Amino acid sequence: MSILFVLLTFLLILTVMYFRRPQQAQEVLQTAPSRGIFAAVPLTLGEFQVPEGYAFHPGHTWLADEGRQNARVGIDAFAANLVGKIDSVEIADLNRWVRQGQRLCTLRHDGREIELLCPVEGVVVSVNHEVLKDPNLVVEEPYRNGWLCLIKAPELSINAKNLLQGPIVPAWMQNSYARIGNMLQQITPELAQDGGLPVKGLLFQVKPDVQQQLTKEFFLT
């Protein structure tokens, strides 16, 4: 009888823990990314904001360590500028296991789409419902309210070693702008602004073959 009572108590505890987890995840979700200090970093090809304390995937997505193996994920300002405007965003399904470098989200505009990669490996435990309602938050506030999802990443510290962090980030961003400026001058100079900067929303303005070339070069998809 006592054994049965212990088993029932154990099952009750498991049930309570199960139903509390979604609520805890939601509490994390309702807070905008707080880690990282946003500082304007002057670059040769213009000035934009690079958040300190974030880690960046070479395919221009980022993660912020939220603690307890939780990683908040989004796209960076470079990707946001190239995309410019979107009609819808599709994010990997809840409870799906995604690998580092695997496709995480799809941004669509005017019948065309662009895919971006996941900067970390783990389980998608929540998505930003605000960007599903207002997709342009992704490109208007890429480091704040436009984040994409929260991923439970058991090997977050190991995954972070494959990402760009610290002082190297501004130089890498600058190099990305320089590379795309050079490519535009050769491929479609009318879409390169003074100094080689691409116009906002470039990827949905070029021909499909040029879009494919640029997304492969910078987003690795």
C-alpha atoms as a PDB file:
ATOM      1  CA  MET A   1       0.000   0.000   0.000  1.00  0.00           C
ATOM      2  CA  SER A   2       2.835   2.373   0.911  1.00  0.00           C
ATOM      3  CA  ILE A   3       4.615   1.576  -2.379  1.00  0.00           C
ATOM      4  CA  LEU A   4       1.451   2.422  -4.302  1.00  0.00           C
ATOM      5  CA  PHE A   5       1.180   5.729  -2.415  1.00  0.00           C
ATOM      6  CA  VAL A   6       4.810   6.610  -3.304  1.00  0.00           C
ATOM      7  CA  LEU A   7       4.232   5.813  -6.978  1.00  0.00           C
ATOM      8  CA  LEU A   8       1.077   7.940  -7.093  1.00  0.00           C
ATOM      9  CA  THR A   9       2.906  10.841  -5.419  1.00  0.00           C
ATOM     10  CA  PHE A  10       5.744  10.561  -7.945  1.00  0.00           C
ATOM     11  CA  LEU A  11       3.298  10.593 -10.862  1.00  0.00           C
ATOM     12  CA  LEU A  12       1.567  13.647  -9.401  1.00  0.00           C
ATOM     13  CA  ILE A  13       4.887  15.519  -9.182  1.00  0.00           C
ATOM     14  CA  LEU A  14       5.736  14.653 -12.788  1.00  0.00           C
ATOM     15  CA  THR A  15       2.307  15.884 -13.927  1.00  0.00           C
ATOM     16  CA  VAL A  16       2.708  19.206 -12.129  1.00  0.00           C
ATOM     17  CA  MET A  17       6.204  19.699 -13.604  1.00  0.00           C
ATOM     18  CA  TYR A  18       4.924  18.920 -17.079  1.00  0.00           C
ATOM     19  CA  PHE A  19       2.144  21.494 -16.986  1.00  0.00           C
ATOM     20  CA  ARG A  20       4.313  24.167 -15.392  1.00  0.00           C
ATOM     21  CA  ARG A  21       6.998  24.125 -18.106  1.00  0.00           C
ATOM     22  CA  PRO A  22       4.968  25.939 -20.795  1.00  0.00           C
ATOM     23  CA  GLN A  23       4.140  28.673 -18.276  1.00  0.00           C
ATOM     24  CA  GLN A  24       7.813  29.107 -17.385  1.00  0.00           C
ATOM     25  CA  ALA A  25       8.755  29.288 -21.050  1.00  0.00           C
ATOM     26  CA  GLN A  26       6.088  31.922 -21.612  1.00  0.00           C
ATOM     27  CA  GLU A  27       7.498  34.023 -18.752  1.00  0.00           C
ATOM     28  CA  VAL A  28      10.893  33.975 -20.450  1.00  0.00           C
ATOM     29  CA  LEU A  29       9.282  34.894 -23.747  1.00  0.00           C
ATOM     30  CA  GLN A  30       7.551  37.981 -22.471  1.00  0.00           C
ATOM     31  CA  THR A  31      10.884  39.620 -21.683  1.00  0.00           C
ATOM     32  CA  ALA A  32      12.798  41.214 -24.541  1.00  0.00           C
ATOM     33  CA  PRO A  33      16.498  40.302 -24.819  1.00  0.00           C
ATOM     34  CA  SER A  34      18.233  41.941 -21.882  1.00  0.00           C
ATOM     35  CA  ARG A  35      21.744  40.647 -22.304  1.00  0.00           C
ATOM     36  CA  GLY A  36      24.186  42.626 -24.400  1.00  0.00           C
ATOM     37  CA  ILE A  37      24.847  46.361 -24.518  1.00  0.00           C
ATOM     38  CA  PHE A  38      23.939  48.069 -27.784  1.00  0.00           C
ATOM     39  CA  ALA A  39      26.709  50.365 -28.961  1.00  0.00           C
ATOM     40  CA  ALA A  40      26.912  52.200 -32.298  1.00  0.00           C
ATOM     41  CA  VAL A  41      30.073  51.063 -34.058  1.00  0.00           C
ATOM     42  CA  PRO A  42      31.323  53.356 -36.877  1.00  0.00           C
ATOM     43  CA  LEU A  43      32.323  51.428 -39.979  1.00  0.00           C
ATOM     44  CA  THR A  44      33.922  52.434 -43.242  1.00  0.00           C
ATOM     45  CA  LEU A  45      30.736  51.625 -45.160  1.00  0.00           C
ATOM     46  CA  GLY A  46      28.367  53.396 -42.818  1.00  0.00           C
ATOM     47  CA  GLU A  47      27.286  53.189 -39.201  1.00  0.00           C
ATOM     48  CA  PHE A  48      24.939  50.643 -37.664  1.00  0.00           C
ATOM     49  CA  GLN A  49      24.425  49.062 -34.270  1.00  0.00           C
ATOM     50  CA  VAL A  50      26.248  45.918 -33.209  1.00  0.00           C
ATOM     51  CA  PRO A  51      25.140  44.463 -29.852  1.00  0.00           C
ATOM     52  CA  GLU A  52      27.892  43.386 -27.513  1.00  0.00           C
ATOM     53  CA  GLY A  53      27.532  40.027 -25.834  1.00  0.00           C
ATOM     54  CA  TYR A  54      25.768  38.383 -28.773  1.00  0.00           C
ATOM     55  CA  ALA A  55      27.228  35.558 -30.875  1.00  0.00           C
ATOM     56  CA  PHE A  56      26.772  35.531 -34.662  1.00  0.00           C
ATOM     57  CA  HIS A  57      26.491  32.699 -37.168  1.00  0.00           C
ATOM     58  CA  PRO A  58      28.345  33.268 -40.480  1.00  0.00           C
ATOM     59  CA  GLY A  59      24.913  33.078 -42.143  1.00  0.00           C
ATOM     60  CA  HIS A  60      23.898  36.306 -40.331  1.00  0.00           C
ATOM     61  CA  THR A  61      21.733  35.005 -37.518  1.00  0.00           C
ATOM     62  CA  TRP A  62      22.514  35.606 -33.838  1.00  0.00           C
ATOM     63  CA  LEU A  63      21.983  34.131 -30.412  1.00  0.00           C
ATOM     64  CA  ALA A  64      21.875  35.665 -26.949  1.00  0.00           C
ATOM     65  CA  ASP A  65      22.485  33.451 -23.919  1.00  0.00           C
ATOM     66  CA  GLU A  66      19.431  33.804 -21.674  1.00  0.00           C
ATOM     67  CA  GLY A  67      20.772  31.424 -19.021  1.00  0.00           C
ATOM     68  CA  ARG A  68      19.736  27.873 -18.089  1.00  0.00           C
ATOM     69  CA  GLN A  69      20.752  26.661 -21.564  1.00  0.00           C
ATOM     70  CA  ASN A  70      18.225  28.961 -23.246  1.00  0.00           C
ATOM     71  CA  ALA A  71      19.301  30.806 -26.383  1.00  0.00           C
ATOM     72  CA  ARG A  72      17.254  33.600 -27.912  1.00  0.00           C
ATOM     73  CA  VAL A  73      17.713  33.686 -31.697  1.00  0.00           C
ATOM     74  CA  GLY A  74      17.191  36.254 -34.447  1.00  0.00           C
ATOM     75  CA  ILE A  75      18.631  37.719 -37.644  1.00  0.00           C
ATOM     76  CA  ASP A  76      21.277  40.446 -37.641  1.00  0.00           C
ATOM     77  CA  ALA A  77      21.142  44.002 -38.997  1.00  0.00           C
ATOM     78  CA  PHE A  78      22.980  43.047 -42.189  1.00  0.00           C
ATOM     79  CA  ALA A  79      20.343  40.447 -43.071  1.00  0.00           C
ATOM     80  CA  ALA A  80      17.552  42.836 -42.046  1.00  0.00           C
ATOM     81  CA  ASN A  81      18.876  45.532 -44.387  1.00  0.00           C
ATOM     82  CA  LEU A  82      19.138  43.175 -47.347  1.00  0.00           C
ATOM     83  CA  VAL A  83      15.626  41.829 -46.794  1.00  0.00           C
ATOM     84  CA  GLY A  84      14.058  45.241 -46.169  1.00  0.00           C
ATOM     85  CA  LYS A  85      10.413  44.222 -45.950  1.00  0.00           C
ATOM     86  CA  ILE A  86       8.578  40.929 -45.512  1.00  0.00           C
ATOM     87  CA  ASP A  87       5.001  39.727 -45.767  1.00  0.00           C
ATOM     88  CA  SER A  88       5.331  36.639 -43.588  1.00  0.00           C
ATOM     89  CA  VAL A  89       7.817  34.687 -41.503  1.00  0.00           C
ATOM     90  CA  GLU A  90       7.828  30.937 -40.977  1.00  0.00           C
ATOM     91  CA  ILE A  91       9.786  29.586 -38.002  1.00  0.00           C
ATOM     92  CA  ALA A  92      10.669  25.992 -37.179  1.00  0.00           C
ATOM     93  CA  ASP A  93       7.878  24.198 -35.305  1.00  0.00           C
ATOM     94  CA  LEU A  94       7.718  24.036 -31.523  1.00  0.00           C
ATOM     95  CA  ASN A  95       9.459  21.029 -29.955  1.00  0.00           C
ATOM     96  CA  ARG A  96      11.453  20.494 -33.124  1.00  0.00           C
ATOM     97  CA  TRP A  97      15.133  19.668 -32.750  1.00  0.00           C
ATOM     98  CA  VAL A  98      17.240  21.886 -35.008  1.00  0.00           C
ATOM     99  CA  ARG A  99      20.940  21.552 -35.630  1.00  0.00           C
ATOM    100  CA  GLN A 100      23.471  24.334 -35.806  1.00  0.00           C
ATOM    101  CA  GLY A 101      23.606  25.444 -39.446  1.00  0.00           C
ATOM    102  CA  GLN A 102      20.205  23.873 -40.266  1.00  0.00           C
ATOM    103  CA  ARG A 103      17.444  25.994 -41.834  1.00  0.00           C
ATOM    104  CA  LEU A 104      15.529  27.768 -39.076  1.00  0.00           C
ATOM    105  CA  CYS A 105      13.213  30.307 -40.707  1.00  0.00           C
ATOM    106  CA  THR A 106      11.829  31.468 -44.036  1.00  0.00           C
ATOM    107  CA  LEU A 107      11.121  35.130 -44.840  1.00  0.00           C
ATOM    108  CA  ARG A 108       8.658  35.832 -47.672  1.00  0.00           C
ATOM    109  CA  HIS A 109       7.835  38.949 -49.666  1.00  0.00           C
ATOM    110  CA  ASP A 110       5.998  39.491 -52.927  1.00  0.00           C
ATOM    111  CA  GLY A 111       5.915  35.787 -53.776  1.00  0.00           C
ATOM    112  CA  ARG A 112       9.627  35.222 -53.120  1.00  0.00           C
ATOM    113  CA  GLU A 113      11.389  33.770 -50.106  1.00  0.00           C
ATOM    114  CA  ILE A 114      14.720  33.618 -48.296  1.00  0.00           C
ATOM    115  CA  GLU A 115      15.840  31.023 -45.756  1.00  0.00           C
ATOM    116  CA  LEU A 116      18.218  31.571 -42.843  1.00  0.00           C
ATOM    117  CA  LEU A 117      20.170  29.148 -40.680  1.00  0.00           C
ATOM    118  CA  CYS A 118      20.062  28.324 -36.990  1.00  0.00           C
ATOM    119  CA  PRO A 119      23.082  29.513 -34.962  1.00  0.00           C
ATOM    120  CA  VAL A 120      22.716  26.829 -32.274  1.00  0.00           C
ATOM    121  CA  GLU A 121      21.598  23.234 -31.817  1.00  0.00           C
ATOM    122  CA  GLY A 122      18.648  22.374 -29.620  1.00  0.00           C
ATOM    123  CA  VAL A 123      14.869  22.232 -29.247  1.00  0.00           C
ATOM    124  CA  VAL A 124      12.595  25.116 -30.227  1.00  0.00           C
ATOM    125  CA  VAL A 125      10.704  25.734 -26.979  1.00  0.00           C
ATOM    126  CA  SER A 126       8.894  28.948 -27.936  1.00  0.00           C
ATOM    127  CA  VAL A 127       8.446  31.378 -30.819  1.00  0.00           C
ATOM    128  CA  ASN A 128       7.904  35.128 -30.870  1.00  0.00           C
ATOM    129  CA  HIS A 129       4.199  35.425 -31.667  1.00  0.00           C
ATOM    130  CA  GLU A 130       4.585  39.173 -32.170  1.00  0.00           C
ATOM    131  CA  VAL A 131       6.628  38.651 -35.335  1.00  0.00           C
ATOM    132  CA  LEU A 132       4.033  36.207 -36.630  1.00  0.00           C
ATOM    133  CA  LYS A 133       1.445  38.990 -36.273  1.00  0.00           C
ATOM    134  CA  ASP A 134       3.770  41.759 -37.495  1.00  0.00           C
ATOM    135  CA  PRO A 135       6.540  40.137 -39.597  1.00  0.00           C
ATOM    136  CA  ASN A 136       8.325  43.418 -40.283  1.00  0.00           C
ATOM    137  CA  LEU A 137       9.473  43.527 -36.650  1.00  0.00           C
ATOM    138  CA  VAL A 138      12.091  41.022 -37.800  1.00  0.00           C
ATOM    139  CA  VAL A 139      13.729  43.616 -40.048  1.00  0.00           C
ATOM    140  CA  GLU A 140      12.821  46.785 -38.146  1.00  0.00           C
ATOM    141  CA  GLU A 141      14.037  45.638 -34.720  1.00  0.00           C
ATOM    142  CA  PRO A 142      16.238  42.602 -35.423  1.00  0.00           C
ATOM    143  CA  TYR A 143      18.025  42.647 -32.056  1.00  0.00           C
ATOM    144  CA  ARG A 144      15.076  43.499 -29.853  1.00  0.00           C
ATOM    145  CA  ASN A 145      11.364  42.889 -30.468  1.00  0.00           C
ATOM    146  CA  GLY A 146      12.064  41.166 -33.791  1.00  0.00           C
ATOM    147  CA  TRP A 147      13.731  38.083 -32.331  1.00  0.00           C
ATOM    148  CA  LEU A 148      12.506  34.756 -33.738  1.00  0.00           C
ATOM    149  CA  CYS A 149      12.478  32.011 -31.134  1.00  0.00           C
ATOM    150  CA  LEU A 150      13.884  30.539 -27.948  1.00  0.00           C
ATOM    151  CA  ILE A 151      15.917  27.352 -28.190  1.00  0.00           C
ATOM    152  CA  LYS A 152      16.836  24.999 -25.356  1.00  0.00           C
ATOM    153  CA  ALA A 153      20.455  24.236 -26.217  1.00  0.00           C
ATOM    154  CA  PRO A 154      22.133  21.597 -23.999  1.00  0.00           C
ATOM    155  CA  GLU A 155      25.531  22.248 -25.645  1.00  0.00           C
ATOM    156  CA  LEU A 156      25.224  26.016 -25.922  1.00  0.00           C
ATOM    157  CA  SER A 157      28.774  26.716 -24.751  1.00  0.00           C
ATOM    158  CA  ILE A 158      30.186  24.247 -27.276  1.00  0.00           C
ATOM    159  CA  ASN A 159      28.061  25.603 -30.136  1.00  0.00           C
ATOM    160  CA  ALA A 160      29.134  29.162 -29.287  1.00  0.00           C
ATOM    161  CA  LYS A 161      32.724  28.278 -30.121  1.00  0.00           C
ATOM    162  CA  ASN A 162      31.675  27.980 -33.780  1.00  0.00           C
ATOM    163  CA  LEU A 163      30.225  31.515 -33.800  1.00  0.00           C
ATOM    164  CA  LEU A 164      31.632  35.018 -34.198  1.00  0.00           C
ATOM    165  CA  GLN A 165      31.919  36.953 -30.957  1.00  0.00           C
ATOM    166  CA  GLY A 166      33.551  39.988 -29.399  1.00  0.00           C
ATOM    167  CA  PRO A 167      35.882  42.400 -31.261  1.00  0.00           C
ATOM    168  CA  ILE A 168      35.808  40.333 -34.443  1.00  0.00           C
ATOM    169  CA  VAL A 169      32.093  41.041 -35.036  1.00  0.00           C
ATOM    170  CA  PRO A 170      32.359  44.685 -36.272  1.00  0.00           C
ATOM    171  CA  ALA A 171      35.205  43.726 -38.625  1.00  0.00           C
ATOM    172  CA  TRP A 172      33.176  40.801 -39.960  1.00  0.00           C
ATOM    173  CA  MET A 173      30.126  43.019 -40.507  1.00  0.00           C
ATOM    174  CA  GLN A 174      32.270  45.577 -42.283  1.00  0.00           C
ATOM    175  CA  ASN A 175      33.724  42.865 -44.485  1.00  0.00           C
ATOM    176  CA  SER A 176      30.211  41.637 -45.364  1.00  0.00           C
ATOM    177  CA  TYR A 177      29.191  45.126 -46.502  1.00  0.00           C
ATOM    178  CA  ALA A 178      32.410  45.515 -48.479  1.00  0.00           C
ATOM    179  CA  ARG A 179      31.932  42.160 -50.213  1.00  0.00           C
ATOM    180  CA  ILE A 180      28.331  42.785 -51.183  1.00  0.00           C
ATOM    181  CA  GLY A 181      29.215  46.280 -52.356  1.00  0.00           C
ATOM    182  CA  ASN A 182      31.874  44.848 -54.658  1.00  0.00           C
ATOM    183  CA  MET A 183      29.506  42.162 -55.913  1.00  0.00           C
ATOM    184  CA  LEU A 184      26.805  44.721 -56.681  1.00  0.00           C
ATOM    185  CA  GLN A 185      29.192  46.925 -58.616  1.00  0.00           C
ATOM    186  CA  GLN A 186      29.922  43.945 -60.850  1.00  0.00           C
ATOM    187  CA  ILE A 187      26.467  42.349 -61.050  1.00  0.00           C
ATOM    188  CA  THR A 188      23.967  45.198 -60.793  1.00  0.00           C
ATOM    189  CA  PRO A 189      25.616  48.601 -60.125  1.00  0.00           C
ATOM    190  CA  GLU A 190      22.280  50.458 -60.227  1.00  0.00           C
ATOM    191  CA  LEU A 191      21.378  48.855 -56.880  1.00  0.00           C
ATOM    192  CA  ALA A 192      24.563  49.954 -55.122  1.00  0.00           C
ATOM    193  CA  GLN A 193      24.383  53.254 -53.288  1.00  0.00           C
ATOM    194  CA  ASP A 194      27.246  55.705 -52.893  1.00  0.00           C
ATOM    195  CA  GLY A 195      30.160  53.992 -51.245  1.00  0.00           C
ATOM    196  CA  GLY A 196      28.953  50.572 -52.370  1.00  0.00           C
ATOM    197  CA  LEU A 197      26.202  50.126 -49.769  1.00  0.00           C
ATOM    198  CA  PRO A 198      23.255  48.035 -51.015  1.00  0.00           C
ATOM    199  CA  VAL A 199      19.813  49.608 -51.087  1.00  0.00           C
ATOM    200  CA  LYS A 200      17.416  48.436 -48.395  1.00  0.00           C
ATOM    201  CA  GLY A 201      15.395  45.423 -49.508  1.00  0.00           C
ATOM    202  CA  LEU A 202      17.928  44.511 -52.170  1.00  0.00           C
ATOM    203  CA  LEU A 203      17.264  40.775 -52.139  1.00  0.00           C
ATOM    204  CA  PHE A 204      13.662  41.139 -53.235  1.00  0.00           C
ATOM    205  CA  GLN A 205      14.515  43.655 -55.963  1.00  0.00           C
ATOM    206  CA  VAL A 206      17.153  41.754 -57.918  1.00  0.00           C
ATOM    207  CA  LYS A 207      16.486  39.027 -60.453  1.00  0.00           C
ATOM    208  CA  PRO A 208      15.922  35.522 -59.022  1.00  0.00           C
ATOM    209  CA  ASP A 209      19.315  34.247 -60.188  1.00  0.00           C
ATOM    210  CA  VAL A 210      21.091  37.187 -58.546  1.00  0.00           C
ATOM    211  CA  GLN A 211      19.046  36.660 -55.366  1.00  0.00           C
ATOM    212  CA  GLN A 212      20.100  33.035 -55.312  1.00  0.00           C
ATOM    213  CA  GLN A 213      23.732  34.015 -55.755  1.00  0.00           C
ATOM    214  CA  LEU A 214      23.615  36.570 -52.927  1.00  0.00           C
ATOM    215  CA  THR A 215      21.747  34.324 -50.470  1.00  0.00           C
ATOM    216  CA  LYS A 216      24.207  31.508 -51.084  1.00  0.00           C
ATOM    217  CA  GLU A 217      27.153  33.847 -50.554  1.00  0.00           C
ATOM    218  CA  PHE A 218      25.918  35.592 -47.391  1.00  0.00           C
ATOM    219  CA  PHE A 219      23.211  33.422 -45.836  1.00  0.00           C
ATOM    220  CA  LEU A 220      24.798  30.092 -46.839  1.00  0.00           C
ATOM    221  CA  THR A 221      21.466  28.694 -48.084  1.00  0.00           C
END
